[in-house]
Amino acid sequence: MNYLIVKHFSGREIPFIFPETVAHVDMRDQLPYGDIISAGVVCLGPNGFVCSGGDKELGIAARPEKDAAVIGDALREQD
């Protein structure tokens, strides 16, 4: 799955996860947030989320450990 981490108006980092068939730049155009913090690909590995990559068109790279933590925290909040 692709993902974008955006900065919410409150300053909090919010993950958006979407299918790899949707380009990062196309998803970015649909979001009401100004700042994209990171972008990449996420998968669930045996030890948790694994984030990698980035998006050349947006000029943004993944932050592997930080992004995995942001995604994991957001999903745990939904429990």
PDB file of N, CA and C in Angstrom:
ATOM      1  N   MET A   1       0.839  -1.174   0.000  1.00  0.00           N
ATOM      2  CA  MET A   1       0.000   0.000   0.000  1.00  0.00           C
ATOM      3  C   MET A   1       0.890   1.246   0.000  1.00  0.00           C
ATOM      4  N   ASN A   2       0.421   2.295  -0.657  1.00  0.00           N
ATOM      5  CA  ASN A   2       1.102   3.585  -0.605  1.00  0.00           C
ATOM      6  C   ASN A   2       0.633   4.339   0.628  1.00  0.00           C
ATOM      7  N   TYR A   3       1.418   5.324   1.025  1.00  0.00           N
ATOM      8  CA  TYR A   3       0.989   6.181   2.123  1.00  0.00           C
ATOM      9  C   TYR A   3       1.553   7.580   1.967  1.00  0.00           C
ATOM     10  N   LEU A   4       0.877   8.512   2.577  1.00  0.00           N
ATOM     11  CA  LEU A   4       1.348   9.878   2.772  1.00  0.00           C
ATOM     12  C   LEU A   4       1.194  10.190   4.255  1.00  0.00           C
ATOM     13  N   ILE A   5       2.160  10.885   4.810  1.00  0.00           N
ATOM     14  CA  ILE A   5       2.028  11.425   6.158  1.00  0.00           C
ATOM     15  C   ILE A   5       1.892  12.941   5.972  1.00  0.00           C
ATOM     16  N   VAL A   6       0.805  13.485   6.486  1.00  0.00           N
ATOM     17  CA  VAL A   6       0.547  14.916   6.341  1.00  0.00           C
ATOM     18  C   VAL A   6       0.510  15.580   7.709  1.00  0.00           C
ATOM     19  N   LYS A   7       0.781  16.866   7.719  1.00  0.00           N
ATOM     20  CA  LYS A   7       0.696  17.625   8.968  1.00  0.00           C
ATOM     21  C   LYS A   7      -0.704  18.220   9.072  1.00  0.00           C
ATOM     22  N   HIS A   8      -1.417  17.796  10.096  1.00  0.00           N
ATOM     23  CA  HIS A   8      -2.754  18.306  10.380  1.00  0.00           C
ATOM     24  C   HIS A   8      -2.631  19.762  10.846  1.00  0.00           C
ATOM     25  N   PHE A   9      -3.703  20.491  10.735  1.00  0.00           N
ATOM     26  CA  PHE A   9      -3.703  21.892  11.157  1.00  0.00           C
ATOM     27  C   PHE A   9      -3.323  22.046  12.628  1.00  0.00           C
ATOM     28  N   SER A  10      -3.559  21.017  13.423  1.00  0.00           N
ATOM     29  CA  SER A  10      -3.198  21.031  14.846  1.00  0.00           C
ATOM     30  C   SER A  10      -1.712  20.776  15.072  1.00  0.00           C
ATOM     31  N   GLY A  11      -1.001  20.390  14.005  1.00  0.00           N
ATOM     32  CA  GLY A  11       0.421  20.058  14.117  1.00  0.00           C
ATOM     33  C   GLY A  11       0.684  18.572  14.195  1.00  0.00           C
ATOM     34  N   ARG A  12      -0.353  17.783  14.382  1.00  0.00           N
ATOM     35  CA  ARG A  12      -0.226  16.330  14.488  1.00  0.00           C
ATOM     36  C   ARG A  12       0.033  15.715  13.111  1.00  0.00           C
ATOM     37  N   GLU A  13       0.828  14.654  13.060  1.00  0.00           N
ATOM     38  CA  GLU A  13       1.082  13.931  11.816  1.00  0.00           C
ATOM     39  C   GLU A  13       0.005  12.877  11.612  1.00  0.00           C
ATOM     40  N   ILE A  14      -0.627  12.884  10.431  1.00  0.00           N
ATOM     41  CA  ILE A  14      -1.739  11.997  10.108  1.00  0.00           C
ATOM     42  C   ILE A  14      -1.367  11.139   8.902  1.00  0.00           C
ATOM     43  N   PRO A  15      -1.508   9.807   9.000  1.00  0.00           N
ATOM     44  CA  PRO A  15      -1.214   8.954   7.842  1.00  0.00           C
ATOM     45  C   PRO A  15      -2.455   8.736   6.974  1.00  0.00           C
ATOM     46  N   PHE A  16      -2.225   8.690   5.684  1.00  0.00           N
ATOM     47  CA  PHE A  16      -3.246   8.288   4.708  1.00  0.00           C
ATOM     48  C   PHE A  16      -2.675   7.104   3.957  1.00  0.00           C
ATOM     49  N   ILE A  17      -3.377   5.978   3.992  1.00  0.00           N
ATOM     50  CA  ILE A  17      -2.933   4.747   3.333  1.00  0.00           C
ATOM     51  C   ILE A  17      -3.899   4.456   2.200  1.00  0.00           C
ATOM     52  N   PHE A  18      -3.343   4.128   1.023  1.00  0.00           N
ATOM     53  CA  PHE A  18      -4.171   3.945  -0.162  1.00  0.00           C
ATOM     54  C   PHE A  18      -3.502   2.953  -1.106  1.00  0.00           C
ATOM     55  N   PRO A  19      -4.244   2.403  -2.061  1.00  0.00           N
ATOM     56  CA  PRO A  19      -3.703   1.377  -2.953  1.00  0.00           C
ATOM     57  C   PRO A  19      -2.539   1.887  -3.808  1.00  0.00           C
ATOM     58  N   GLU A  20      -1.642   0.981  -4.159  1.00  0.00           N
ATOM     59  CA  GLU A  20      -0.495   1.335  -4.988  1.00  0.00           C
ATOM     60  C   GLU A  20      -0.900   1.753  -6.400  1.00  0.00           C
ATOM     61  N   THR A  21      -2.128   1.464  -6.804  1.00  0.00           N
ATOM     62  CA  THR A  21      -2.598   1.891  -8.128  1.00  0.00           C
ATOM     63  C   THR A  21      -2.899   3.388  -8.173  1.00  0.00           C
ATOM     64  N   VAL A  22      -2.942   4.041  -7.007  1.00  0.00           N
ATOM     65  CA  VAL A  22      -3.147   5.484  -6.919  1.00  0.00           C
ATOM     66  C   VAL A  22      -1.793   6.140  -6.674  1.00  0.00           C
ATOM     67  N   ALA A  23      -1.426   7.090  -7.515  1.00  0.00           N
ATOM     68  CA  ALA A  23      -0.144   7.786  -7.375  1.00  0.00           C
ATOM     69  C   ALA A  23      -0.173   8.707  -6.162  1.00  0.00           C
ATOM     70  N   HIS A  24       0.984   8.863  -5.531  1.00  0.00           N
ATOM     71  CA  HIS A  24       1.088   9.758  -4.378  1.00  0.00           C
ATOM     72  C   HIS A  24       0.614  11.167  -4.727  1.00  0.00           C
ATOM     73  N   VAL A  25       1.040  11.665  -5.879  1.00  0.00           N
ATOM     74  CA  VAL A  25       0.682  13.036  -6.264  1.00  0.00           C
ATOM     75  C   VAL A  25      -0.824  13.173  -6.487  1.00  0.00           C
ATOM     76  N   ASP A  26      -1.468  12.126  -6.999  1.00  0.00           N
ATOM     77  CA  ASP A  26      -2.918  12.174  -7.197  1.00  0.00           C
ATOM     78  C   ASP A  26      -3.651  12.195  -5.856  1.00  0.00           C
ATOM     79  N   MET A  27      -3.177  11.412  -4.896  1.00  0.00           N
ATOM     80  CA  MET A  27      -3.790  11.425  -3.572  1.00  0.00           C
ATOM     81  C   MET A  27      -3.534  12.759  -2.884  1.00  0.00           C
ATOM     82  N   ARG A  28      -2.350  13.291  -3.031  1.00  0.00           N
ATOM     83  CA  ARG A  28      -2.010  14.574  -2.422  1.00  0.00           C
ATOM     84  C   ARG A  28      -2.991  15.651  -2.896  1.00  0.00           C
ATOM     85  N   ASP A  29      -3.354  15.612  -4.157  1.00  0.00           N
ATOM     86  CA  ASP A  29      -4.283  16.605  -4.707  1.00  0.00           C
ATOM     87  C   ASP A  29      -5.676  16.513  -4.095  1.00  0.00           C
ATOM     88  N   GLN A  30      -6.012  15.382  -3.476  1.00  0.00           N
ATOM     89  CA  GLN A  30      -7.331  15.174  -2.889  1.00  0.00           C
ATOM     90  C   GLN A  30      -7.394  15.552  -1.405  1.00  0.00           C
ATOM     91  N   LEU A  31      -6.254  15.823  -0.807  1.00  0.00           N
ATOM     92  CA  LEU A  31      -6.208  16.065   0.638  1.00  0.00           C
ATOM     93  C   LEU A  31      -6.301  17.550   0.975  1.00  0.00           C
ATOM     94  N   PRO A  32      -7.008  17.876   2.027  1.00  0.00           N
ATOM     95  CA  PRO A  32      -7.173  19.283   2.399  1.00  0.00           C
ATOM     96  C   PRO A  32      -6.041  19.831   3.264  1.00  0.00           C
ATOM     97  N   TYR A  33      -4.948  19.117   3.364  1.00  0.00           N
ATOM     98  CA  TYR A  33      -3.844  19.529   4.220  1.00  0.00           C
ATOM     99  C   TYR A  33      -2.736  20.140   3.382  1.00  0.00           C
ATOM    100  N   GLY A  34      -1.997  21.066   3.957  1.00  0.00           N
ATOM    101  CA  GLY A  34      -0.953  21.760   3.223  1.00  0.00           C
ATOM    102  C   GLY A  34       0.371  21.041   3.147  1.00  0.00           C
ATOM    103  N   ASP A  35       0.856  20.545   4.259  1.00  0.00           N
ATOM    104  CA  ASP A  35       2.216  20.020   4.311  1.00  0.00           C
ATOM    105  C   ASP A  35       2.253  18.503   4.254  1.00  0.00           C
ATOM    106  N   ILE A  36       2.965  17.977   3.254  1.00  0.00           N
ATOM    107  CA  ILE A  36       3.235  16.545   3.180  1.00  0.00           C
ATOM    108  C   ILE A  36       4.579  16.327   3.860  1.00  0.00           C
ATOM    109  N   ILE A  37       4.590  15.484   4.862  1.00  0.00           N
ATOM    110  CA  ILE A  37       5.800  15.237   5.648  1.00  0.00           C
ATOM    111  C   ILE A  37       6.645  14.133   5.019  1.00  0.00           C
ATOM    112  N   SER A  38       5.987  13.058   4.583  1.00  0.00           N
ATOM    113  CA  SER A  38       6.704  11.937   3.968  1.00  0.00           C
ATOM    114  C   SER A  38       5.740  11.130   3.109  1.00  0.00           C
ATOM    115  N   ALA A  39       6.329  10.258   2.300  1.00  0.00           N
ATOM    116  CA  ALA A  39       5.551   9.413   1.395  1.00  0.00           C
ATOM    117  C   ALA A  39       6.327   8.137   1.153  1.00  0.00           C
ATOM    118  N   GLY A  40       5.609   7.072   0.805  1.00  0.00           N
ATOM    119  CA  GLY A  40       6.288   5.824   0.505  1.00  0.00           C
ATOM    120  C   GLY A  40       5.325   4.671   0.368  1.00  0.00           C
ATOM    121  N   VAL A  41       5.865   3.496   0.630  1.00  0.00           N
ATOM    122  CA  VAL A  41       5.119   2.246   0.564  1.00  0.00           C
ATOM    123  C   VAL A  41       5.176   1.610   1.950  1.00  0.00           C
ATOM    124  N   VAL A  42       4.040   1.070   2.403  1.00  0.00           N
ATOM    125  CA  VAL A  42       3.991   0.421   3.709  1.00  0.00           C
ATOM    126  C   VAL A  42       3.460  -0.998   3.545  1.00  0.00           C
ATOM    127  N   CYS A  43       4.052  -1.899   4.301  1.00  0.00           N
ATOM    128  CA  CYS A  43       3.528  -3.265   4.366  1.00  0.00           C
ATOM    129  C   CYS A  43       3.644  -3.727   5.816  1.00  0.00           C
ATOM    130  N   LEU A  44       2.909  -4.774   6.137  1.00  0.00           N
ATOM    131  CA  LEU A  44       2.947  -5.336   7.480  1.00  0.00           C
ATOM    132  C   LEU A  44       3.902  -6.515   7.463  1.00  0.00           C
ATOM    133  N   GLY A  45       5.006  -6.372   8.184  1.00  0.00           N
ATOM    134  CA  GLY A  45       5.992  -7.437   8.280  1.00  0.00           C
ATOM    135  C   GLY A  45       5.801  -8.218   9.570  1.00  0.00           C
ATOM    136  N   PRO A  46       6.641  -9.210   9.821  1.00  0.00           N
ATOM    137  CA  PRO A  46       6.494 -10.028  11.019  1.00  0.00           C
ATOM    138  C   PRO A  46       6.712  -9.251  12.322  1.00  0.00           C
ATOM    139  N   ASN A  47       7.414  -8.112  12.238  1.00  0.00           N
ATOM    140  CA  ASN A  47       7.687  -7.309  13.437  1.00  0.00           C
ATOM    141  C   ASN A  47       6.974  -5.956  13.421  1.00  0.00           C
ATOM    142  N   GLY A  48       5.949  -5.831  12.597  1.00  0.00           N
ATOM    143  CA  GLY A  48       5.213  -4.573  12.528  1.00  0.00           C
ATOM    144  C   GLY A  48       5.263  -3.957  11.142  1.00  0.00           C
ATOM    145  N   PHE A  49       4.932  -2.684  11.060  1.00  0.00           N
ATOM    146  CA  PHE A  49       4.891  -2.004   9.760  1.00  0.00           C
ATOM    147  C   PHE A  49       6.296  -1.716   9.257  1.00  0.00           C
ATOM    148  N   VAL A  50       6.466  -1.854   7.943  1.00  0.00           N
ATOM    149  CA  VAL A  50       7.730  -1.567   7.282  1.00  0.00           C
ATOM    150  C   VAL A  50       7.449  -0.507   6.227  1.00  0.00           C
ATOM    151  N   CYS A  51       8.112   0.636   6.344  1.00  0.00           N
ATOM    152  CA  CYS A  51       7.929   1.747   5.416  1.00  0.00           C
ATOM    153  C   CYS A  51       9.215   1.977   4.630  1.00  0.00           C
ATOM    154  N   SER A  52       9.053   2.304   3.348  1.00  0.00           N
ATOM    155  CA  SER A  52      10.222   2.537   2.498  1.00  0.00           C
ATOM    156  C   SER A  52       9.823   3.403   1.312  1.00  0.00           C
ATOM    157  N   GLY A  53      10.822   3.778   0.537  1.00  0.00           N
ATOM    158  CA  GLY A  53      10.581   4.493  -0.709  1.00  0.00           C
ATOM    159  C   GLY A  53      10.421   5.982  -0.530  1.00  0.00           C
ATOM    160  N   GLY A  54       9.539   6.528  -1.342  1.00  0.00           N
ATOM    161  CA  GLY A  54       9.292   7.957  -1.380  1.00  0.00           C
ATOM    162  C   GLY A  54       8.561   8.270  -2.674  1.00  0.00           C
ATOM    163  N   ASP A  55       8.539   9.524  -3.044  1.00  0.00           N
ATOM    164  CA  ASP A  55       7.920   9.923  -4.300  1.00  0.00           C
ATOM    165  C   ASP A  55       8.776  10.999  -4.947  1.00  0.00           C
ATOM    166  N   LYS A  56       9.343  10.678  -6.103  1.00  0.00           N
ATOM    167  CA  LYS A  56      10.216  11.619  -6.809  1.00  0.00           C
ATOM    168  C   LYS A  56       9.457  12.852  -7.274  1.00  0.00           C
ATOM    169  N   GLU A  57       8.228  12.661  -7.744  1.00  0.00           N
ATOM    170  CA  GLU A  57       7.447  13.787  -8.244  1.00  0.00           C
ATOM    171  C   GLU A  57       7.144  14.808  -7.140  1.00  0.00           C
ATOM    172  N   LEU A  58       6.882  14.319  -5.937  1.00  0.00           N
ATOM    173  CA  LEU A  58       6.655  15.206  -4.799  1.00  0.00           C
ATOM    174  C   LEU A  58       7.963  15.643  -4.147  1.00  0.00           C
ATOM    175  N   GLY A  59       9.050  14.934  -4.453  1.00  0.00           N
ATOM    176  CA  GLY A  59      10.340  15.249  -3.851  1.00  0.00           C
ATOM    177  C   GLY A  59      10.390  14.937  -2.368  1.00  0.00           C
ATOM    178  N   ILE A  60       9.706  13.854  -1.968  1.00  0.00           N
ATOM    179  CA  ILE A  60       9.603  13.492  -0.555  1.00  0.00           C
ATOM    180  C   ILE A  60       9.997  12.027  -0.363  1.00  0.00           C
ATOM    181  N   ALA A  61      10.768  11.770   0.676  1.00  0.00           N
ATOM    182  CA  ALA A  61      11.207  10.413   0.981  1.00  0.00           C
ATOM    183  C   ALA A  61      10.493   9.881   2.219  1.00  0.00           C
ATOM    184  N   ALA A  62      10.499   8.566   2.340  1.00  0.00           N
ATOM    185  CA  ALA A  62       9.986   7.901   3.534  1.00  0.00           C
ATOM    186  C   ALA A  62      10.944   8.121   4.697  1.00  0.00           C
ATOM    187  N   ARG A  63      10.402   8.101   5.885  1.00  0.00           N
ATOM    188  CA  ARG A  63      11.183   8.087   7.125  1.00  0.00           C
ATOM    189  C   ARG A  63      10.847   6.740   7.766  1.00  0.00           C
ATOM    190  N   PRO A  64      11.563   5.689   7.402  1.00  0.00           N
ATOM    191  CA  PRO A  64      11.118   4.331   7.734  1.00  0.00           C
ATOM    192  C   PRO A  64      10.641   4.109   9.165  1.00  0.00           C
ATOM    193  N   GLU A  65      11.439   4.399  10.140  1.00  0.00           N
ATOM    194  CA  GLU A  65      11.049   4.110  11.527  1.00  0.00           C
ATOM    195  C   GLU A  65       9.958   5.060  12.015  1.00  0.00           C
ATOM    196  N   LYS A  66      10.103   6.341  11.760  1.00  0.00           N
ATOM    197  CA  LYS A  66       9.126   7.332  12.217  1.00  0.00           C
ATOM    198  C   LYS A  66       7.767   7.093  11.567  1.00  0.00           C
ATOM    199  N   ASP A  67       7.750   6.850  10.237  1.00  0.00           N
ATOM    200  CA  ASP A  67       6.484   6.630   9.536  1.00  0.00           C
ATOM    201  C   ASP A  67       5.779   5.376  10.046  1.00  0.00           C
ATOM    202  N   ALA A  68       6.544   4.321  10.281  1.00  0.00           N
ATOM    203  CA  ALA A  68       5.956   3.083  10.811  1.00  0.00           C
ATOM    204  C   ALA A  68       5.313   3.347  12.173  1.00  0.00           C
ATOM    205  N   ALA A  69       5.952   4.164  12.994  1.00  0.00           N
ATOM    206  CA  ALA A  69       5.394   4.495  14.312  1.00  0.00           C
ATOM    207  C   ALA A  69       4.126   5.331  14.179  1.00  0.00           C
ATOM    208  N   VAL A  70       4.127   6.311  13.275  1.00  0.00           N
ATOM    209  CA  VAL A  70       2.940   7.160  13.080  1.00  0.00           C
ATOM    210  C   VAL A  70       1.759   6.317  12.606  1.00  0.00           C
ATOM    211  N   ILE A  71       2.003   5.425  11.655  1.00  0.00           N
ATOM    212  CA  ILE A  71       0.935   4.559  11.135  1.00  0.00           C
ATOM    213  C   ILE A  71       0.435   3.618  12.227  1.00  0.00           C
ATOM    214  N   GLY A  72       1.355   2.985  12.932  1.00  0.00           N
ATOM    215  CA  GLY A  72       0.967   2.073  14.011  1.00  0.00           C
ATOM    216  C   GLY A  72       0.172   2.769  15.093  1.00  0.00           C
ATOM    217  N   ASP A  73       0.611   3.958  15.501  1.00  0.00           N
ATOM    218  CA  ASP A  73      -0.107   4.716  16.533  1.00  0.00           C
ATOM    219  C   ASP A  73      -1.514   5.076  16.070  1.00  0.00           C
ATOM    220  N   ALA A  74      -1.642   5.508  14.817  1.00  0.00           N
ATOM    221  CA  ALA A  74      -2.967   5.893  14.299  1.00  0.00           C
ATOM    222  C   ALA A  74      -3.913   4.698  14.264  1.00  0.00           C
ATOM    223  N   LEU A  75      -3.420   3.549  13.894  1.00  0.00           N
ATOM    224  CA  LEU A  75      -4.264   2.363  13.841  1.00  0.00           C
ATOM    225  C   LEU A  75      -4.616   1.859  15.238  1.00  0.00           C
ATOM    226  N   ARG A  76      -3.708   1.971  16.183  1.00  0.00           N
ATOM    227  CA  ARG A  76      -3.995   1.566  17.561  1.00  0.00           C
ATOM    228  C   ARG A  76      -5.057   2.468  18.182  1.00  0.00           C
ATOM    229  N   GLU A  77      -5.098   3.739  17.800  1.00  0.00           N
ATOM    230  CA  GLU A  77      -6.112   4.652  18.325  1.00  0.00           C
ATOM    231  C   GLU A  77      -7.503   4.259  17.911  1.00  0.00           C
ATOM    232  N   GLN A  78      -7.638   3.484  16.838  1.00  0.00           N
ATOM    233  CA  GLN A  78      -8.936   3.087  16.338  1.00  0.00           C
ATOM    234  C   GLN A  78      -9.520   1.887  17.065  1.00  0.00           C
ATOM    235  N   ASP A  79      -8.718   1.214  17.892  1.00  0.00           N
ATOM    236  CA  ASP A  79      -9.185   0.024  18.609  1.00  0.00           C
ATOM    237  C   ASP A  79     -10.254   0.346  19.611  1.00  0.00           C
TER     238      ASP A  79
END
